Protein backbone atom coordinates (compact mmCIF):
# COMPACT_ATOMS: atom_id res chain seq x y z
CA UNK A 1 10.98 18.27 25.63
CA UNK A 2 10.37 16.79 22.18
CA UNK A 3 11.84 18.89 19.37
CA UNK A 4 9.34 20.49 17.01
CA UNK A 5 10.56 20.20 13.46
CA UNK A 6 10.37 22.67 10.58
CA UNK A 7 9.64 20.95 7.29
CA UNK A 8 8.19 21.96 3.96
CA UNK A 9 5.81 19.20 2.88
CA UNK A 10 4.64 18.92 -0.73
CA UNK A 11 1.75 16.49 -1.09
CA UNK A 12 -1.19 16.50 -3.45
CA UNK A 13 -2.95 14.02 -1.14
CA UNK A 14 -3.94 15.36 2.26
CA UNK A 15 -7.08 15.31 4.38
CA UNK A 16 -9.97 15.80 3.84
CA UNK A 17 -9.12 13.95 0.59
CA UNK A 18 -10.06 10.28 1.02
CA UNK A 19 -7.40 7.59 1.14
CA UNK A 20 -4.67 6.11 3.29
CA UNK A 21 -1.89 8.33 1.96
CA UNK A 22 -3.80 11.50 2.90
CA UNK A 23 -4.38 10.11 6.40
CA UNK A 24 -0.71 9.16 6.76
CA UNK A 25 0.65 12.67 6.22
CA UNK A 26 -1.95 14.30 8.44
CA UNK A 27 -1.31 11.90 11.29
CA UNK A 28 2.51 12.04 11.15
CA UNK A 29 3.23 15.73 10.68
CA UNK A 30 0.81 16.93 13.33
CA UNK A 31 2.89 14.80 15.72
CA UNK A 32 6.24 16.14 14.49
CA UNK A 33 5.67 19.84 14.98
CA UNK A 34 3.40 22.83 14.97
CA UNK A 35 3.10 25.88 12.75
CA UNK A 36 6.76 25.53 11.73
CA UNK A 37 5.71 22.62 9.50
CA UNK A 38 4.24 24.00 6.28
CA UNK A 39 2.13 21.67 4.15
CA UNK A 40 1.58 22.66 0.53
CA UNK A 41 -1.32 20.66 -0.87
CA UNK A 42 -4.39 20.64 -3.11
CA UNK A 43 -7.50 22.75 -2.66
CA UNK A 44 -10.39 20.31 -2.17
CA UNK A 45 -13.98 20.52 -0.88
CA UNK A 46 -14.06 20.70 2.91
CA UNK A 47 -10.45 21.84 3.27
CA UNK A 48 -11.27 25.15 4.96
CA UNK A 49 -13.04 23.43 7.86
CA UNK A 50 -10.29 20.79 8.13
CA UNK A 51 -7.44 23.33 8.15
CA UNK A 52 -9.01 25.79 10.60
CA UNK A 53 -7.67 24.21 13.78
CA UNK A 54 -4.83 22.14 12.32
CA UNK A 55 -1.58 22.31 14.31
CA UNK A 56 0.50 22.71 11.11
CA UNK A 57 0.43 25.57 8.61
CA UNK A 58 -1.58 24.48 5.56
CA UNK A 59 -1.33 26.13 2.13
CA UNK A 60 -3.86 25.15 -0.55
CA UNK A 61 -3.38 25.34 -4.32
CA UNK A 62 -5.45 24.53 -7.40
CA UNK A 63 -3.64 21.44 -8.69
CA UNK A 64 -6.24 20.42 -11.27
CA UNK A 65 -5.06 18.88 -14.56
CA UNK A 66 -6.00 20.58 -17.83
CA UNK A 67 -6.38 18.21 -20.82
CA UNK A 68 -5.89 21.02 -23.36
CA UNK A 69 -2.37 21.64 -22.01
CA UNK A 70 0.51 19.30 -22.84
CA UNK A 71 1.56 17.89 -20.50
CA UNK A 72 -1.70 18.26 -18.57
CA UNK A 73 0.18 18.26 -15.25
CA UNK A 74 2.37 21.27 -16.17
CA UNK A 75 0.24 23.86 -14.27
CA UNK A 76 0.38 21.68 -11.14
CA UNK A 77 4.17 21.40 -11.38
CA UNK A 78 4.59 25.14 -11.85
CA UNK A 79 2.21 26.11 -9.05
CA UNK A 80 3.88 23.70 -6.63
CA UNK A 81 7.33 24.91 -7.60
CA UNK A 82 6.82 28.67 -7.36
CA UNK A 83 4.74 28.58 -4.17
CA UNK A 84 7.07 26.02 -2.59
CA UNK A 85 10.18 27.99 -3.53
CA UNK A 86 8.72 31.16 -2.04
CA UNK A 87 8.02 29.32 1.20
CA UNK A 88 11.49 27.80 1.15
CA UNK A 89 13.16 31.19 0.76
CA UNK A 90 11.09 32.78 3.52
CA UNK A 91 11.38 30.05 6.16
CA UNK A 92 14.32 28.22 7.67
CA UNK A 93 13.19 24.66 6.91
CA UNK A 94 15.27 21.67 7.92
CA UNK A 95 14.22 19.59 4.92
CA UNK A 96 11.72 19.29 2.08
CA UNK A 97 9.45 16.24 2.07
CA UNK A 98 7.49 14.99 -0.95
CA UNK A 99 4.38 12.86 -0.56
CA UNK A 100 4.92 11.08 -3.89
CA UNK A 101 7.57 11.01 -6.56
CA UNK A 102 5.49 12.80 -9.25
CA UNK A 103 4.79 15.64 -9.33
CA UNK A 104 5.77 16.39 -5.75
CA UNK A 105 9.12 14.59 -5.66
CA UNK A 106 10.55 16.21 -8.76
CA UNK A 107 9.40 19.66 -7.61
CA UNK A 108 10.68 19.06 -4.07
CA UNK A 109 14.10 18.07 -5.42
CA UNK A 110 14.37 21.31 -7.41
CA UNK A 111 13.30 23.45 -4.44
CA UNK A 112 15.59 21.59 -2.01
CA UNK A 113 18.61 22.10 -4.22
CA UNK A 114 17.91 25.83 -4.59
CA UNK A 115 17.51 26.38 -0.83
CA UNK A 116 20.27 23.87 -0.02
CA UNK A 117 18.24 21.51 2.12
CA UNK A 118 17.87 17.70 1.98
CA UNK A 119 14.88 16.19 0.20
CA UNK A 120 12.90 13.15 1.35
CA UNK A 121 10.50 11.38 -1.02
CA UNK A 122 7.83 8.86 -0.01
CA UNK A 123 7.39 5.73 -2.13
CA UNK A 124 4.11 3.79 -1.98
CA UNK A 125 4.71 0.99 -4.50
CA UNK A 126 1.78 1.22 -6.89
CA UNK A 127 3.07 4.41 -8.49
CA UNK A 128 6.28 2.59 -9.43
CA UNK A 129 4.61 -0.46 -10.92
CA UNK A 130 2.04 1.64 -12.78
CA UNK A 131 4.08 4.60 -13.99
CA UNK A 132 7.06 2.60 -15.19
CA UNK A 133 4.90 1.57 -18.16
CA UNK A 134 5.16 5.19 -19.40
CA UNK A 135 8.68 6.01 -20.70
CA UNK A 136 8.30 9.72 -19.89
CA UNK A 137 7.10 9.11 -16.35
CA UNK A 138 9.65 6.35 -15.80
CA UNK A 139 12.49 8.70 -16.71
CA UNK A 140 11.24 11.50 -14.43
CA UNK A 141 10.44 9.09 -11.61
CA UNK A 142 13.81 7.38 -11.75
CA UNK A 143 15.64 10.73 -11.75
CA UNK A 144 13.74 11.99 -8.70
CA UNK A 145 14.21 8.80 -6.68
CA UNK A 146 17.92 8.51 -7.50
CA UNK A 147 18.58 12.12 -6.54
CA UNK A 148 16.64 12.14 -3.26
CA UNK A 149 18.68 12.26 -0.07
CA UNK A 150 16.30 9.84 1.64
CA UNK A 151 13.37 7.72 0.49
CA UNK A 152 10.66 6.39 2.81
CA UNK A 153 9.32 3.08 1.46
CA UNK A 154 6.05 1.78 2.90
CA UNK A 155 6.94 -1.93 2.59
CA UNK A 156 9.65 -4.44 1.71
CA UNK A 157 7.96 -4.81 -1.68
CA UNK A 158 8.29 -1.09 -2.39
CA UNK A 159 11.92 -1.14 -1.29
CA UNK A 160 12.56 -3.90 -3.81
CA UNK A 161 10.90 -1.94 -6.59
CA UNK A 162 13.06 1.09 -5.78
CA UNK A 163 16.22 -1.00 -5.96
CA UNK A 164 15.11 -2.25 -9.38
CA UNK A 165 15.10 1.39 -10.48
CA UNK A 166 18.72 1.72 -9.44
CA UNK A 167 18.14 3.52 -6.15
CA UNK A 168 20.88 2.95 -3.58
CA UNK A 169 19.63 0.66 -0.81
CA UNK A 170 21.42 2.81 1.77
CA UNK A 171 19.13 5.76 1.06
CA UNK A 172 15.92 3.74 1.53
CA UNK A 173 14.24 3.44 4.92
CA UNK A 174 11.14 1.30 5.41
CA UNK A 175 8.48 3.04 7.50
CA UNK A 176 5.07 1.43 7.50
CA UNK A 177 1.96 3.61 7.76
CA UNK A 178 0.08 3.39 11.03
CA UNK A 179 -3.30 3.40 12.69
CA UNK A 180 -5.03 5.64 15.23
CA UNK A 181 -5.56 3.35 18.21
CA UNK A 182 -7.91 5.82 19.87
CA UNK A 183 -10.30 5.38 16.92
CA UNK A 184 -9.61 1.84 15.80
CA UNK A 185 -10.13 -0.65 18.63
CA UNK A 186 -12.30 -3.74 19.21
CA UNK A 187 -14.61 -2.32 21.87
CA UNK A 188 -17.46 -0.81 19.83
CA UNK A 189 -21.10 -1.82 19.93
CA UNK A 190 -22.17 -2.87 16.45
CA UNK A 191 -25.61 -4.49 16.63
CA UNK A 192 -27.25 -1.39 15.13
CA UNK A 193 -24.90 -1.40 12.11
CA UNK A 194 -25.57 -5.05 11.43
CA UNK A 195 -29.31 -4.51 11.82
CA UNK A 196 -29.15 -1.63 9.30
CA UNK A 197 -28.36 -4.16 6.56
CA UNK A 198 -30.71 -6.80 7.91
CA UNK A 199 -28.25 -8.99 9.81
CA UNK A 200 -29.02 -10.82 13.01
CA UNK A 201 -26.54 -11.92 15.65
CA UNK A 202 -26.00 -15.38 14.11
CA UNK A 203 -25.34 -14.24 10.55
CA UNK A 204 -21.79 -13.68 9.32
CA UNK A 205 -20.43 -10.52 7.73
CA UNK A 206 -17.49 -10.05 5.37
CA UNK A 207 -16.36 -6.43 5.09
CA UNK A 208 -14.36 -4.78 2.29
CA UNK A 209 -13.11 -1.20 2.37
CA UNK A 210 -11.45 0.63 -0.48
CA UNK A 211 -11.88 2.04 -3.93
CA UNK A 212 -14.10 -0.19 -6.04
CA UNK A 213 -11.45 -1.12 -8.58
CA UNK A 214 -10.58 -4.46 -10.13
CA UNK A 215 -7.23 -4.97 -8.45
CA UNK A 216 -8.81 -4.95 -4.99
CA UNK A 217 -10.36 -8.37 -5.64
CA UNK A 218 -13.83 -7.56 -4.34
CA UNK A 219 -15.31 -9.44 -7.29
CA UNK A 220 -13.64 -12.59 -5.99
CA UNK A 221 -15.27 -12.15 -2.62
CA UNK A 222 -18.70 -11.84 -4.26
CA UNK A 223 -17.99 -14.91 -6.37
CA UNK A 224 -17.09 -16.87 -3.21
CA UNK A 225 -20.46 -16.28 -1.51
CA UNK A 226 -22.34 -19.18 -3.18
CA UNK A 227 -19.59 -21.56 -2.08
CA UNK A 228 -19.75 -20.29 1.50
CA UNK A 229 -23.53 -20.58 1.53
CA UNK A 230 -23.28 -24.15 0.23
CA UNK A 231 -20.94 -24.94 3.14
CA UNK A 232 -23.52 -23.82 5.67
CA UNK A 233 -22.58 -20.20 6.33
CA UNK A 234 -25.34 -17.58 6.39
CA UNK A 235 -23.02 -14.88 5.10
CA UNK A 236 -23.32 -11.32 3.75
CA UNK A 237 -20.76 -8.98 2.16
CA UNK A 238 -20.63 -5.20 2.83
CA UNK A 239 -18.46 -2.88 0.73
CA UNK A 240 -17.42 0.61 1.85
CA UNK A 241 -16.09 2.87 -0.88
CA UNK A 242 -16.84 4.21 -4.33
CA UNK A 243 -15.20 3.66 -7.69
CA UNK A 244 -15.39 2.71 -11.31
CA UNK A 245 -16.26 -0.95 -10.62
CA UNK A 246 -19.59 -0.34 -8.86
CA UNK A 247 -21.76 -1.47 -11.81
CA UNK A 248 -19.44 -4.39 -12.55
CA UNK A 249 -19.65 -5.62 -8.96
CA UNK A 250 -23.43 -5.27 -8.95
CA UNK A 251 -23.51 -7.36 -12.13
CA UNK A 252 -21.32 -10.02 -10.54
CA UNK A 253 -23.66 -10.17 -7.56
CA UNK A 254 -26.66 -10.70 -9.86
CA UNK A 255 -24.82 -13.33 -11.90
CA UNK A 256 -24.02 -15.32 -8.75
CA UNK A 257 -27.53 -14.91 -7.35
CA UNK A 258 -26.39 -13.07 -4.21
CA UNK A 259 -27.57 -9.50 -4.83
CA UNK A 260 -29.59 -9.46 -1.62
CA UNK A 261 -26.45 -10.44 0.32
CA UNK A 262 -24.11 -7.79 -1.12
CA UNK A 263 -24.44 -4.32 0.42
CA UNK A 264 -22.83 -1.27 -1.22
CA UNK A 265 -22.47 1.33 1.53
CA UNK A 266 -20.56 3.99 -0.43
CA UNK A 267 -18.79 6.52 1.78
CA UNK A 268 -19.42 6.16 5.49
CA UNK A 269 -18.77 8.72 8.19
CA UNK A 270 -15.23 8.52 9.58
CA UNK A 271 -16.61 7.88 13.06
CA UNK A 272 -18.53 4.85 11.78
CA UNK A 273 -15.66 3.17 9.92
CA UNK A 274 -14.07 1.52 13.00
CA UNK A 275 -17.49 0.26 14.05
CA UNK A 276 -17.94 -1.45 10.68
CA UNK A 277 -14.57 -3.20 11.07
CA UNK A 278 -15.75 -4.43 14.48
CA UNK A 279 -19.11 -5.51 13.08
CA UNK A 280 -17.46 -7.86 10.59
CA UNK A 281 -16.32 -11.42 11.15
CA UNK A 282 -13.59 -11.04 8.56
CA UNK A 283 -12.12 -8.27 6.43
CA UNK A 284 -11.43 -9.13 2.78
CA UNK A 285 -9.35 -7.47 0.09
CA UNK A 286 -7.80 -10.34 -1.91
CA UNK A 287 -5.84 -7.98 -4.14
CA UNK A 288 -4.05 -8.89 -7.34
CA UNK A 289 -1.90 -7.05 -9.86
CA UNK A 290 -3.67 -5.82 -13.00
CA UNK A 291 -1.70 -4.11 -15.79
CA UNK A 292 1.05 -3.15 -13.36
CA UNK A 293 -1.37 -1.70 -10.81
CA UNK A 294 -0.91 -3.31 -7.40
CA UNK A 295 -1.22 -2.76 -3.66
CA UNK A 296 1.87 -1.15 -2.12
CA UNK A 297 0.90 -1.86 1.49
CA UNK A 298 -2.80 -1.69 2.44
CA UNK A 299 -3.61 0.48 5.47
CA UNK A 300 -7.08 -1.05 5.62
CA UNK A 301 -5.53 -4.31 6.79
CA UNK A 302 -3.96 -2.74 9.87
CA UNK A 303 -7.16 -0.80 10.59
CA UNK A 304 -8.98 -4.13 10.61
CA UNK A 305 -6.31 -5.71 12.82
CA UNK A 306 -6.56 -2.84 15.31
CA UNK A 307 -10.29 -3.61 15.57
CA UNK A 308 -9.58 -7.28 16.18
CA UNK A 309 -10.81 -8.43 12.77
CA UNK A 310 -8.66 -10.84 10.72
CA UNK A 311 -8.04 -10.23 7.02
CA UNK A 312 -7.89 -12.09 3.75
CA UNK A 313 -5.26 -10.45 1.53
CA UNK A 314 -3.77 -11.26 -1.84
CA UNK A 315 -0.14 -12.14 -2.42
CA UNK A 316 0.48 -9.28 -4.85
CA UNK A 317 2.38 -6.15 -3.89
CA UNK A 318 3.36 -5.26 -0.34
CA UNK A 319 0.60 -6.90 1.69
CA UNK A 320 3.14 -9.10 3.51
CA UNK A 321 4.10 -6.01 5.50
CA UNK A 322 0.47 -5.33 6.46
CA UNK A 323 -0.90 -8.86 7.03
CA UNK A 324 1.12 -11.40 8.99
CA UNK A 325 0.10 -14.69 7.41
CA UNK A 326 -1.45 -16.98 10.00
CA UNK A 327 -1.24 -14.29 12.70
CA UNK A 328 -3.40 -11.34 11.61
CA UNK A 329 -5.05 -13.11 8.70
CA UNK A 330 -4.32 -15.13 5.59
CA UNK A 331 -2.51 -14.17 2.40
CA UNK A 332 -3.64 -16.12 -0.64
CA UNK A 333 -3.54 -16.01 -4.44
CA UNK A 334 -6.07 -13.32 -5.28
CA UNK A 335 -6.44 -14.76 -8.77
CA UNK A 336 -7.82 -18.01 -7.36
CA UNK A 337 -11.52 -17.98 -6.49
CA UNK A 338 -11.10 -21.27 -4.63
CA UNK A 339 -8.28 -19.87 -2.51
CA UNK A 340 -10.37 -16.82 -1.63
CA UNK A 341 -13.38 -18.96 -0.62
CA UNK A 342 -11.24 -21.35 1.44
CA UNK A 343 -9.52 -18.50 3.29
CA UNK A 344 -12.82 -16.79 4.09
CA UNK A 345 -14.27 -20.07 5.35
CA UNK A 346 -11.21 -20.75 7.53
CA UNK A 347 -11.27 -17.34 9.19
CA UNK A 348 -15.02 -17.27 9.73
CA UNK A 349 -14.99 -20.75 11.25
CA UNK A 350 -11.85 -19.97 13.26
CA UNK A 351 -9.82 -22.93 11.97
CA UNK A 352 -7.04 -20.92 10.29
CA UNK A 353 -4.18 -21.90 12.58
CA UNK A 354 -5.36 -21.36 16.12
CA UNK A 355 -7.42 -18.79 18.00
CA UNK A 356 -4.55 -17.90 20.35
CA UNK A 357 -2.16 -17.28 17.47
CA UNK A 358 -4.69 -15.03 15.75
CA UNK A 359 -5.53 -13.13 18.94
CA UNK A 360 -1.85 -12.59 19.77
CA UNK A 361 -1.10 -11.50 16.23
CA UNK A 362 -3.89 -8.92 16.20
CA UNK A 363 -2.72 -7.57 19.57
CA UNK A 364 0.86 -7.21 18.34
CA UNK A 365 -0.35 -5.45 15.20
CA UNK A 366 -2.16 -2.88 17.33
CA UNK A 367 1.03 -2.16 19.26
CA UNK A 368 3.38 -2.13 16.26
CA UNK A 369 1.42 0.20 13.98
CA UNK A 370 0.58 3.02 16.40
CA UNK A 371 0.92 6.40 14.62
CA UNK A 372 3.13 7.68 17.45
CA UNK A 373 5.71 5.03 16.54
CA UNK A 374 5.50 5.96 12.86
CA UNK A 375 6.07 9.60 13.74
CA UNK A 376 9.07 8.70 15.89
CA UNK A 377 10.61 6.66 13.06
CA UNK A 378 10.13 9.64 10.74
CA UNK A 379 11.68 11.94 13.33
CA UNK A 380 14.72 9.68 13.66
CA UNK A 381 15.13 9.49 9.89
CA UNK A 382 15.09 13.21 9.22
CA UNK A 383 16.82 14.46 12.34
């Protein structure tokens, strides 16, 4: 019989909050134990319905920032600490896990030392490259990472960034996030989705999923459309997600004369997301680093792979762990519009290195990123 673990998990990001990190923690800890795993997280809209039948014990806190307090995150730190310490004193946890280094990691370290349990901190990559530009955050982040008993890094890139901070390589374990193979698979019917944006069977669809922010490279995909049209492809681009770049991307579409071919879908129902991956001929997020902000891994790439859809990814950050170049897609310079257009053309036409290689690569990705394997790696790490 598989052992059910007893952990205290501190994570500001947890379902129903959107994003890959929130999905990761929900998927892993429900597989590692039952009510003996206590998850301390943020109060968000829809949380009551989500938590009602959850196998773990969920505790919700108001972790909002208050700009009139300095630092604005102080209330969040204090609430996490006092509630987490109370839980730690009242339950016999094996370890304390932190979803990120700040604020959760620093708070988890303090609680773990007081209740004399090991602390594990997750590292995602972009928080390191972004926060190290702030001396105060860099100091706190470095302290927490260096004093953790174990660190889970989501990619080789993130491991390298941790080592640059002086973290001992022996305390870092790479565990990639995973994908739910019962939801993400290539066997969905998609004609109705394509018809909803005016596409027929012969037209081609590029899909992008993620926050509409500059580093994702969605503007480069839009800019590539005229070139693809000139090369004989009747192609459209659908974007799932919201974000600060919506107006900018709409402007780019108008500037390139492709507004009628760019479809902003906003949020889509979770049940429909795998169908959209299957509806697309290629998935595209040619990410690049902007002011230290980069992609630590990219769960959307493995979701696409699980649905049998190849990806175009940028070279920046940790995408090499998520996209196997020439096997599950192509990694290119996200700063180069020409490289983005050429990669999209190659994948849509199927001349990117062989159909068999691509098919085999996508199949292997489905097997290698199953959430059950991620949970088992986490189980082995923490005992």
